[in-house]
Every structure is written in structure tokens, then in C-alpha cells.
Amino acid sequence: MKQVTTAVLMLFLIFLCAPVVSAQWSGCIGCHSGTIAANEKAMKEKFQTVEAFVNAAMATKNPMMKEIQQNKEAIEAAAKELGLKDAPAPEEKPAP
């Protein structure tokens, strides 16, 4: 019975997060509320740039993120909605 309950709960959470694929951060808060996954404050503290946020989202092995990982643009939009900045372009050093 416990396995069935766990399976039903996982399916519910997957379907709860599935609409997030086309959403931005506002769609992520269904799971990223601090209970199931890190909340907005924790994400801002952990990731300083859009690139770091996107790389982490794309690299995670969490099965609930599998469908979301197919839309990199939505992940980038979520990072920007969080207020994360693009990484600064590397400075070119003048030729000697």
C-alpha cells in the first residue's frame, strides 16, 4: 500500500509540474516552494548567473525535471524572472 501511495504521489507531482514546461519561474513555484525543492530565495543564493542556473537545471538527474529540461529557453526565462543576470563577457586583453 505504501508503494502505491508513493507512486500516486509522484505521478501527481509530475503532472503538477508538467505545465511548467512553457512557464517561467511563476510556474516553477508549484514544486520550488521550499517543501519539495529549493525556493526562490535559496535559488537566488545558490546561483549568481543565468548560465549557472540553466546549467544546473539541465544537469539535474531529478525525474521531475526531465520534461522541463527539454525547453532551455523556458529555464533561461525563469532565471531572468528570478532576477539572475547574464554572465559578463570576458574582457579582451590588449595585444602586447
PDB file of N, CA and C in Angstrom:
ATOM      1  N   MET A   1       0.822  -1.195   0.000  1.00  0.00           N
ATOM      2  CA  MET A   1       0.000   0.000   0.000  1.00  0.00           C
ATOM      3  C   MET A   1       0.867   1.261   0.000  1.00  0.00           C
ATOM      4  N   LYS A   2       1.961   1.203   0.761  1.00  0.00           N
ATOM      5  CA  LYS A   2       2.850   2.360   0.833  1.00  0.00           C
ATOM      6  C   LYS A   2       3.456   2.659  -0.541  1.00  0.00           C
ATOM      7  N   GLN A   3       3.797   1.616  -1.299  1.00  0.00           N
ATOM      8  CA  GLN A   3       4.370   1.807  -2.633  1.00  0.00           C
ATOM      9  C   GLN A   3       3.352   2.442  -3.570  1.00  0.00           C
ATOM     10  N   VAL A   4       2.102   2.023  -3.463  1.00  0.00           N
ATOM     11  CA  VAL A   4       1.047   2.591  -4.309  1.00  0.00           C
ATOM     12  C   VAL A   4       0.854   4.059  -3.974  1.00  0.00           C
ATOM     13  N   THR A   5       0.828   4.376  -2.701  1.00  0.00           N
ATOM     14  CA  THR A   5       0.669   5.767  -2.278  1.00  0.00           C
ATOM     15  C   THR A   5       1.830   6.619  -2.778  1.00  0.00           C
ATOM     16  N   THR A   6       3.030   6.100  -2.663  1.00  0.00           N
ATOM     17  CA  THR A   6       4.207   6.825  -3.138  1.00  0.00           C
ATOM     18  C   THR A   6       4.143   7.027  -4.647  1.00  0.00           C
ATOM     19  N   ALA A   7       3.753   6.011  -5.379  1.00  0.00           N
ATOM     20  CA  ALA A   7       3.649   6.115  -6.841  1.00  0.00           C
ATOM     21  C   ALA A   7       2.589   7.136  -7.236  1.00  0.00           C
ATOM     22  N   VAL A   8       1.460   7.125  -6.567  1.00  0.00           N
ATOM     23  CA  VAL A   8       0.391   8.082  -6.870  1.00  0.00           C
ATOM     24  C   VAL A   8       0.869   9.502  -6.569  1.00  0.00           C
ATOM     25  N   LEU A   9       1.554   9.683  -5.453  1.00  0.00           N
ATOM     26  CA  LEU A   9       2.075  10.994  -5.099  1.00  0.00           C
ATOM     27  C   LEU A   9       3.082  11.480  -6.135  1.00  0.00           C
ATOM     28  N   MET A  10       3.986  10.618  -6.581  1.00  0.00           N
ATOM     29  CA  MET A  10       4.970  11.004  -7.596  1.00  0.00           C
ATOM     30  C   MET A  10       4.292  11.390  -8.902  1.00  0.00           C
ATOM     31  N   LEU A  11       3.306  10.618  -9.319  1.00  0.00           N
ATOM     32  CA  LEU A  11       2.584  10.955 -10.547  1.00  0.00           C
ATOM     33  C   LEU A  11       1.872  12.294 -10.410  1.00  0.00           C
ATOM     34  N   PHE A  12       1.270  12.524  -9.260  1.00  0.00           N
ATOM     35  CA  PHE A  12       0.594  13.796  -9.018  1.00  0.00           C
ATOM     36  C   PHE A  12       1.588  14.951  -9.132  1.00  0.00           C
ATOM     37  N   LEU A  13       2.748  14.806  -8.520  1.00  0.00           N
ATOM     38  CA  LEU A  13       3.751  15.864  -8.563  1.00  0.00           C
ATOM     39  C   LEU A  13       4.274  16.092  -9.974  1.00  0.00           C
ATOM     40  N   ILE A  14       4.447  15.020 -10.724  1.00  0.00           N
ATOM     41  CA  ILE A  14       4.910  15.153 -12.107  1.00  0.00           C
ATOM     42  C   ILE A  14       3.886  15.904 -12.933  1.00  0.00           C
ATOM     43  N   PHE A  15       2.621  15.546 -12.784  1.00  0.00           N
ATOM     44  CA  PHE A  15       1.579  16.238 -13.542  1.00  0.00           C
ATOM     45  C   PHE A  15       1.379  17.663 -13.051  1.00  0.00           C
ATOM     46  N   LEU A  16       1.637  17.907 -11.780  1.00  0.00           N
ATOM     47  CA  LEU A  16       1.558  19.251 -11.246  1.00  0.00           C
ATOM     48  C   LEU A  16       2.625  20.136 -11.873  1.00  0.00           C
ATOM     49  N   CYS A  17       3.811  19.576 -12.062  1.00  0.00           N
ATOM     50  CA  CYS A  17       4.932  20.347 -12.610  1.00  0.00           C
ATOM     51  C   CYS A  17       4.966  20.343 -14.134  1.00  0.00           C
ATOM     52  N   ALA A  18       4.278  19.432 -14.780  1.00  0.00           N
ATOM     53  CA  ALA A  18       4.331  19.324 -16.235  1.00  0.00           C
ATOM     54  C   ALA A  18       3.950  20.613 -16.963  1.00  0.00           C
ATOM     55  N   PRO A  19       2.923  21.354 -16.511  1.00  0.00           N
ATOM     56  CA  PRO A  19       2.587  22.587 -17.216  1.00  0.00           C
ATOM     57  C   PRO A  19       3.671  23.639 -17.139  1.00  0.00           C
ATOM     58  N   VAL A  20       4.640  23.451 -16.289  1.00  0.00           N
ATOM     59  CA  VAL A  20       5.713  24.413 -16.104  1.00  0.00           C
ATOM     60  C   VAL A  20       6.608  24.504 -17.328  1.00  0.00           C
ATOM     61  N   VAL A  21       6.565  23.516 -18.189  1.00  0.00           N
ATOM     62  CA  VAL A  21       7.475  23.457 -19.324  1.00  0.00           C
ATOM     63  C   VAL A  21       7.454  24.755 -20.120  1.00  0.00           C
ATOM     64  N   SER A  22       6.312  25.353 -20.301  1.00  0.00           N
ATOM     65  CA  SER A  22       6.248  26.578 -21.076  1.00  0.00           C
ATOM     66  C   SER A  22       6.182  27.807 -20.182  1.00  0.00           C
ATOM     67  N   ALA A  23       6.223  27.614 -18.892  1.00  0.00           N
ATOM     68  CA  ALA A  23       6.100  28.725 -17.958  1.00  0.00           C
ATOM     69  C   ALA A  23       7.467  29.267 -17.568  1.00  0.00           C
ATOM     70  N   GLN A  24       7.442  30.364 -16.843  1.00  0.00           N
ATOM     71  CA  GLN A  24       8.664  30.904 -16.289  1.00  0.00           C
ATOM     72  C   GLN A  24       8.682  30.560 -14.808  1.00  0.00           C
ATOM     73  N   TRP A  25       9.426  31.317 -14.005  1.00  0.00           N
ATOM     74  CA  TRP A  25       9.555  30.981 -12.592  1.00  0.00           C
ATOM     75  C   TRP A  25       8.190  30.859 -11.916  1.00  0.00           C
ATOM     76  N   SER A  26       7.245  31.691 -12.300  1.00  0.00           N
ATOM     77  CA  SER A  26       5.929  31.641 -11.667  1.00  0.00           C
ATOM     78  C   SER A  26       5.300  30.259 -11.806  1.00  0.00           C
ATOM     79  N   GLY A  27       5.658  29.522 -12.826  1.00  0.00           N
ATOM     80  CA  GLY A  27       5.174  28.165 -12.988  1.00  0.00           C
ATOM     81  C   GLY A  27       5.993  27.149 -12.210  1.00  0.00           C
ATOM     82  N   CYS A  28       7.184  27.518 -11.796  1.00  0.00           N
ATOM     83  CA  CYS A  28       8.076  26.602 -11.081  1.00  0.00           C
ATOM     84  C   CYS A  28       7.730  26.491  -9.605  1.00  0.00           C
ATOM     85  N   ILE A  29       7.026  27.502  -9.078  1.00  0.00           N
ATOM     86  CA  ILE A  29       6.816  27.534  -7.634  1.00  0.00           C
ATOM     87  C   ILE A  29       5.897  26.428  -7.131  1.00  0.00           C
ATOM     88  N   GLY A  30       5.242  25.708  -8.035  1.00  0.00           N
ATOM     89  CA  GLY A  30       4.460  24.552  -7.610  1.00  0.00           C
ATOM     90  C   GLY A  30       5.337  23.523  -6.914  1.00  0.00           C
ATOM     91  N   CYS A  31       6.531  23.333  -7.410  1.00  0.00           N
ATOM     92  CA  CYS A  31       7.486  22.398  -6.800  1.00  0.00           C
ATOM     93  C   CYS A  31       8.559  23.141  -6.002  1.00  0.00           C
ATOM     94  N   HIS A  32       8.988  24.292  -6.500  1.00  0.00           N
ATOM     95  CA  HIS A  32      10.069  25.046  -5.859  1.00  0.00           C
ATOM     96  C   HIS A  32       9.502  26.014  -4.818  1.00  0.00           C
ATOM     97  N   SER A  33       8.873  25.419  -3.809  1.00  0.00           N
ATOM     98  CA  SER A  33       8.248  26.212  -2.754  1.00  0.00           C
ATOM     99  C   SER A  33       9.030  26.129  -1.447  1.00  0.00           C
ATOM    100  N   GLY A  34      10.081  25.324  -1.444  1.00  0.00           N
ATOM    101  CA  GLY A  34      10.848  25.120  -0.234  1.00  0.00           C
ATOM    102  C   GLY A  34      10.488  23.815   0.460  1.00  0.00           C
ATOM    103  N   THR A  35       9.376  23.209   0.050  1.00  0.00           N
ATOM    104  CA  THR A  35       8.961  21.944   0.642  1.00  0.00           C
ATOM    105  C   THR A  35       9.470  20.778  -0.195  1.00  0.00           C
ATOM    106  N   ILE A  36       9.191  20.818  -1.497  1.00  0.00           N
ATOM    107  CA  ILE A  36       9.608  19.748  -2.407  1.00  0.00           C
ATOM    108  C   ILE A  36      10.998  20.035  -2.954  1.00  0.00           C
ATOM    109  N   ALA A  37      11.218  21.264  -3.356  1.00  0.00           N
ATOM    110  CA  ALA A  37      12.504  21.677  -3.932  1.00  0.00           C
ATOM    111  C   ALA A  37      12.838  23.084  -3.420  1.00  0.00           C
ATOM    112  N   ALA A  38      14.063  23.509  -3.657  1.00  0.00           N
ATOM    113  CA  ALA A  38      14.530  24.808  -3.173  1.00  0.00           C
ATOM    114  C   ALA A  38      13.605  25.941  -3.613  1.00  0.00           C
ATOM    115  N   ASN A  39      13.396  26.905  -2.720  1.00  0.00           N
ATOM    116  CA  ASN A  39      12.519  28.025  -3.044  1.00  0.00           C
ATOM    117  C   ASN A  39      13.290  29.157  -3.727  1.00  0.00           C
ATOM    118  N   GLU A  40      12.579  30.230  -4.032  1.00  0.00           N
ATOM    119  CA  GLU A  40      13.160  31.351  -4.772  1.00  0.00           C
ATOM    120  C   GLU A  40      14.388  31.930  -4.066  1.00  0.00           C
ATOM    121  N   LYS A  41      14.292  32.147  -2.766  1.00  0.00           N
ATOM    122  CA  LYS A  41      15.413  32.728  -2.023  1.00  0.00           C
ATOM    123  C   LYS A  41      16.641  31.829  -2.093  1.00  0.00           C
ATOM    124  N   ALA A  42      16.437  30.535  -1.901  1.00  0.00           N
ATOM    125  CA  ALA A  42      17.559  29.590  -1.943  1.00  0.00           C
ATOM    126  C   ALA A  42      18.180  29.540  -3.329  1.00  0.00           C
ATOM    127  N   MET A  43      17.350  29.621  -4.364  1.00  0.00           N
ATOM    128  CA  MET A  43      17.870  29.594  -5.736  1.00  0.00           C
ATOM    129  C   MET A  43      18.710  30.840  -6.022  1.00  0.00           C
ATOM    130  N   LYS A  44      18.248  31.992  -5.545  1.00  0.00           N
ATOM    131  CA  LYS A  44      18.996  33.231  -5.767  1.00  0.00           C
ATOM    132  C   LYS A  44      20.332  33.208  -5.035  1.00  0.00           C
ATOM    133  N   GLU A  45      20.363  32.580  -3.858  1.00  0.00           N
ATOM    134  CA  GLU A  45      21.608  32.488  -3.105  1.00  0.00           C
ATOM    135  C   GLU A  45      22.579  31.504  -3.751  1.00  0.00           C
ATOM    136  N   LYS A  46      22.047  30.439  -4.315  1.00  0.00           N
ATOM    137  CA  LYS A  46      22.893  29.389  -4.877  1.00  0.00           C
ATOM    138  C   LYS A  46      23.432  29.748  -6.263  1.00  0.00           C
ATOM    139  N   PHE A  47      22.619  30.399  -7.071  1.00  0.00           N
ATOM    140  CA  PHE A  47      23.012  30.695  -8.450  1.00  0.00           C
ATOM    141  C   PHE A  47      23.135  32.198  -8.656  1.00  0.00           C
ATOM    142  N   GLN A  48      24.277  32.614  -9.157  1.00  0.00           N
ATOM    143  CA  GLN A  48      24.542  34.034  -9.350  1.00  0.00           C
ATOM    144  C   GLN A  48      24.227  34.498 -10.767  1.00  0.00           C
ATOM    145  N   THR A  49      24.248  33.561 -11.723  1.00  0.00           N
ATOM    146  CA  THR A  49      24.043  33.950 -13.118  1.00  0.00           C
ATOM    147  C   THR A  49      23.012  33.041 -13.785  1.00  0.00           C
ATOM    148  N   VAL A  50      22.480  33.534 -14.889  1.00  0.00           N
ATOM    149  CA  VAL A  50      21.535  32.747 -15.698  1.00  0.00           C
ATOM    150  C   VAL A  50      22.218  31.461 -16.149  1.00  0.00           C
ATOM    151  N   GLU A  51      23.458  31.579 -16.580  1.00  0.00           N
ATOM    152  CA  GLU A  51      24.196  30.415 -17.079  1.00  0.00           C
ATOM    153  C   GLU A  51      24.339  29.326 -16.005  1.00  0.00           C
ATOM    154  N   ALA A  52      24.688  29.713 -14.791  1.00  0.00           N
ATOM    155  CA  ALA A  52      24.836  28.748 -13.704  1.00  0.00           C
ATOM    156  C   ALA A  52      23.503  28.066 -13.393  1.00  0.00           C
ATOM    157  N   PHE A  53      22.432  28.837 -13.394  1.00  0.00           N
ATOM    158  CA  PHE A  53      21.092  28.315 -13.125  1.00  0.00           C
ATOM    159  C   PHE A  53      20.672  27.318 -14.199  1.00  0.00           C
ATOM    160  N   VAL A  54      20.845  27.709 -15.461  1.00  0.00           N
ATOM    161  CA  VAL A  54      20.469  26.840 -16.582  1.00  0.00           C
ATOM    162  C   VAL A  54      21.310  25.565 -16.581  1.00  0.00           C
ATOM    163  N   ASN A  55      22.613  25.697 -16.384  1.00  0.00           N
ATOM    164  CA  ASN A  55      23.487  24.514 -16.361  1.00  0.00           C
ATOM    165  C   ASN A  55      23.066  23.535 -15.272  1.00  0.00           C
ATOM    166  N   ALA A  56      22.725  24.044 -14.106  1.00  0.00           N
ATOM    167  CA  ALA A  56      22.297  23.170 -13.012  1.00  0.00           C
ATOM    168  C   ALA A  56      20.968  22.497 -13.336  1.00  0.00           C
ATOM    169  N   ALA A  57      20.039  23.251 -13.899  1.00  0.00           N
ATOM    170  CA  ALA A  57      18.735  22.680 -14.258  1.00  0.00           C
ATOM    171  C   ALA A  57      18.884  21.601 -15.329  1.00  0.00           C
ATOM    172  N   MET A  58      19.753  21.831 -16.279  1.00  0.00           N
ATOM    173  CA  MET A  58      19.951  20.869 -17.362  1.00  0.00           C
ATOM    174  C   MET A  58      20.713  19.629 -16.879  1.00  0.00           C
ATOM    175  N   ALA A  59      21.525  19.774 -15.847  1.00  0.00           N
ATOM    176  CA  ALA A  59      22.358  18.661 -15.374  1.00  0.00           C
ATOM    177  C   ALA A  59      21.679  17.795 -14.318  1.00  0.00           C
ATOM    178  N   THR A  60      20.608  18.298 -13.722  1.00  0.00           N
ATOM    179  CA  THR A  60      19.982  17.527 -12.644  1.00  0.00           C
ATOM    180  C   THR A  60      19.438  16.196 -13.156  1.00  0.00           C
ATOM    181  N   LYS A  61      19.503  15.201 -12.299  1.00  0.00           N
ATOM    182  CA  LYS A  61      19.002  13.867 -12.638  1.00  0.00           C
ATOM    183  C   LYS A  61      17.601  13.641 -12.066  1.00  0.00           C
ATOM    184  N   ASN A  62      17.032  14.660 -11.441  1.00  0.00           N
ATOM    185  CA  ASN A  62      15.694  14.537 -10.858  1.00  0.00           C
ATOM    186  C   ASN A  62      14.678  14.259 -11.969  1.00  0.00           C
ATOM    187  N   PRO A  63      13.937  13.153 -11.881  1.00  0.00           N
ATOM    188  CA  PRO A  63      12.993  12.804 -12.948  1.00  0.00           C
ATOM    189  C   PRO A  63      11.874  13.829 -13.122  1.00  0.00           C
ATOM    190  N   MET A  64      11.603  14.621 -12.096  1.00  0.00           N
ATOM    191  CA  MET A  64      10.554  15.635 -12.218  1.00  0.00           C
ATOM    192  C   MET A  64      10.985  16.785 -13.122  1.00  0.00           C
ATOM    193  N   MET A  65      12.283  16.911 -13.376  1.00  0.00           N
ATOM    194  CA  MET A  65      12.789  17.974 -14.236  1.00  0.00           C
ATOM    195  C   MET A  65      12.975  17.512 -15.686  1.00  0.00           C
ATOM    196  N   LYS A  66      12.788  16.242 -15.955  1.00  0.00           N
ATOM    197  CA  LYS A  66      13.072  15.681 -17.276  1.00  0.00           C
ATOM    198  C   LYS A  66      12.336  16.417 -18.396  1.00  0.00           C
ATOM    199  N   GLU A  67      11.057  16.641 -18.227  1.00  0.00           N
ATOM    200  CA  GLU A  67      10.277  17.312 -19.266  1.00  0.00           C
ATOM    201  C   GLU A  67      10.657  18.788 -19.380  1.00  0.00           C
ATOM    202  N   ILE A  68      10.936  19.407 -18.263  1.00  0.00           N
ATOM    203  CA  ILE A  68      11.314  20.822 -18.253  1.00  0.00           C
ATOM    204  C   ILE A  68      12.655  21.028 -18.949  1.00  0.00           C
ATOM    205  N   GLN A  69      13.547  20.062 -18.834  1.00  0.00           N
ATOM    206  CA  GLN A  69      14.874  20.163 -19.445  1.00  0.00           C
ATOM    207  C   GLN A  69      14.800  20.220 -20.967  1.00  0.00           C
ATOM    208  N   GLN A  70      13.677  19.890 -21.544  1.00  0.00           N
ATOM    209  CA  GLN A  70      13.526  19.929 -22.994  1.00  0.00           C
ATOM    210  C   GLN A  70      13.281  21.342 -23.512  1.00  0.00           C
ATOM    211  N   ASN A  71      13.125  22.305 -22.607  1.00  0.00           N
ATOM    212  CA  ASN A  71      12.847  23.678 -23.010  1.00  0.00           C
ATOM    213  C   ASN A  71      13.840  24.621 -22.318  1.00  0.00           C
ATOM    214  N   LYS A  72      15.028  24.700 -22.883  1.00  0.00           N
ATOM    215  CA  LYS A  72      16.095  25.522 -22.299  1.00  0.00           C
ATOM    216  C   LYS A  72      15.696  26.999 -22.237  1.00  0.00           C
ATOM    217  N   GLU A  73      14.943  27.462 -23.219  1.00  0.00           N
ATOM    218  CA  GLU A  73      14.517  28.864 -23.248  1.00  0.00           C
ATOM    219  C   GLU A  73      13.631  29.190 -22.047  1.00  0.00           C
ATOM    220  N   ALA A  74      12.765  28.252 -21.658  1.00  0.00           N
ATOM    221  CA  ALA A  74      11.892  28.471 -20.501  1.00  0.00           C
ATOM    222  C   ALA A  74      12.717  28.518 -19.214  1.00  0.00           C
ATOM    223  N   ILE A  75      13.747  27.710 -19.145  1.00  0.00           N
ATOM    224  CA  ILE A  75      14.616  27.718 -17.963  1.00  0.00           C
ATOM    225  C   ILE A  75      15.363  29.052 -17.892  1.00  0.00           C
ATOM    226  N   GLU A  76      15.845  29.531 -19.031  1.00  0.00           N
ATOM    227  CA  GLU A  76      16.525  30.830 -19.075  1.00  0.00           C
ATOM    228  C   GLU A  76      15.571  31.947 -18.662  1.00  0.00           C
ATOM    229  N   ALA A  77      14.329  31.877 -19.131  1.00  0.00           N
ATOM    230  CA  ALA A  77      13.331  32.881 -18.777  1.00  0.00           C
ATOM    231  C   ALA A  77      13.048  32.853 -17.277  1.00  0.00           C
ATOM    232  N   ALA A  78      12.993  31.659 -16.704  1.00  0.00           N
ATOM    233  CA  ALA A  78      12.763  31.532 -15.259  1.00  0.00           C
ATOM    234  C   ALA A  78      13.914  32.171 -14.487  1.00  0.00           C
ATOM    235  N   ALA A  79      15.143  31.945 -14.945  1.00  0.00           N
ATOM    236  CA  ALA A  79      16.312  32.524 -14.282  1.00  0.00           C
ATOM    237  C   ALA A  79      16.254  34.049 -14.323  1.00  0.00           C
ATOM    238  N   LYS A  80      15.866  34.590 -15.457  1.00  0.00           N
ATOM    239  CA  LYS A  80      15.771  36.047 -15.592  1.00  0.00           C
ATOM    240  C   LYS A  80      14.634  36.598 -14.748  1.00  0.00           C
ATOM    241  N   GLU A  81      13.535  35.849 -14.656  1.00  0.00           N
ATOM    242  CA  GLU A  81      12.422  36.276 -13.809  1.00  0.00           C
ATOM    243  C   GLU A  81      12.836  36.299 -12.339  1.00  0.00           C
ATOM    244  N   LEU A  82      13.745  35.412 -11.959  1.00  0.00           N
ATOM    245  CA  LEU A  82      14.282  35.400 -10.592  1.00  0.00           C
ATOM    246  C   LEU A  82      15.183  36.606 -10.336  1.00  0.00           C
ATOM    247  N   GLY A  83      15.613  37.252 -11.406  1.00  0.00           N
ATOM    248  CA  GLY A  83      16.495  38.402 -11.269  1.00  0.00           C
ATOM    249  C   GLY A  83      17.955  38.069 -11.463  1.00  0.00           C
ATOM    250  N   LEU A  84      18.246  36.848 -11.913  1.00  0.00           N
ATOM    251  CA  LEU A  84      19.633  36.485 -12.177  1.00  0.00           C
ATOM    252  C   LEU A  84      20.111  37.214 -13.427  1.00  0.00           C
ATOM    253  N   LYS A  85      21.360  37.530 -13.455  1.00  0.00           N
ATOM    254  CA  LYS A  85      21.952  38.295 -14.566  1.00  0.00           C
ATOM    255  C   LYS A  85      22.753  37.381 -15.471  1.00  0.00           C
ATOM    256  N   ASP A  86      22.892  37.808 -16.718  1.00  0.00           N
ATOM    257  CA  ASP A  86      23.770  37.096 -17.648  1.00  0.00           C
ATOM    258  C   ASP A  86      25.205  37.268 -17.163  1.00  0.00           C
ATOM    259  N   ALA A  87      26.015  36.264 -17.394  1.00  0.00           N
ATOM    260  CA  ALA A  87      27.437  36.346 -17.011  1.00  0.00           C
ATOM    261  C   ALA A  87      28.097  37.434 -17.841  1.00  0.00           C
ATOM    262  N   PRO A  88      28.957  38.218 -17.242  1.00  0.00           N
ATOM    263  CA  PRO A  88      29.641  39.261 -18.022  1.00  0.00           C
ATOM    264  C   PRO A  88      30.547  38.636 -19.075  1.00  0.00           C
ATOM    265  N   ALA A  89      30.637  39.297 -20.199  1.00  0.00           N
ATOM    266  CA  ALA A  89      31.516  38.813 -21.271  1.00  0.00           C
ATOM    267  C   ALA A  89      32.958  38.944 -20.792  1.00  0.00           C
ATOM    268  N   PRO A  90      33.770  37.959 -21.127  1.00  0.00           N
ATOM    269  CA  PRO A  90      35.188  38.046 -20.712  1.00  0.00           C
ATOM    270  C   PRO A  90      35.847  39.249 -21.383  1.00  0.00           C
ATOM    271  N   GLU A  91      36.660  39.919 -20.608  1.00  0.00           N
ATOM    272  CA  GLU A  91      37.356  41.099 -21.137  1.00  0.00           C
ATOM    273  C   GLU A  91      38.507  40.659 -22.028  1.00  0.00           C
ATOM    274  N   GLU A  92      38.632  41.356 -23.136  1.00  0.00           N
ATOM    275  CA  GLU A  92      39.749  41.063 -24.027  1.00  0.00           C
ATOM    276  C   GLU A  92      40.966  41.854 -23.543  1.00  0.00           C
ATOM    277  N   LYS A  93      42.084  41.174 -23.485  1.00  0.00           N
ATOM    278  CA  LYS A  93      43.314  41.845 -23.078  1.00  0.00           C
ATOM    279  C   LYS A  93      43.955  42.442 -24.334  1.00  0.00           C
ATOM    280  N   PRO A  94      44.442  43.648 -24.224  1.00  0.00           N
ATOM    281  CA  PRO A  94      45.095  44.259 -25.385  1.00  0.00           C
ATOM    282  C   PRO A  94      46.345  43.482 -25.801  1.00  0.00           C
ATOM    283  N   ALA A  95      46.579  43.437 -27.076  1.00  0.00           N
ATOM    284  CA  ALA A  95      47.762  42.738 -27.590  1.00  0.00           C
ATOM    285  C   ALA A  95      49.017  43.508 -27.156  1.00  0.00           C
ATOM    286  N   PRO A  96      50.055  42.781 -26.769  1.00  0.00           N
ATOM    287  CA  PRO A  96      51.300  43.464 -26.328  1.00  0.00           C
ATOM    288  C   PRO A  96      52.021  44.133 -27.449  1.00  0.00           C
TER     289      PRO A  96
END
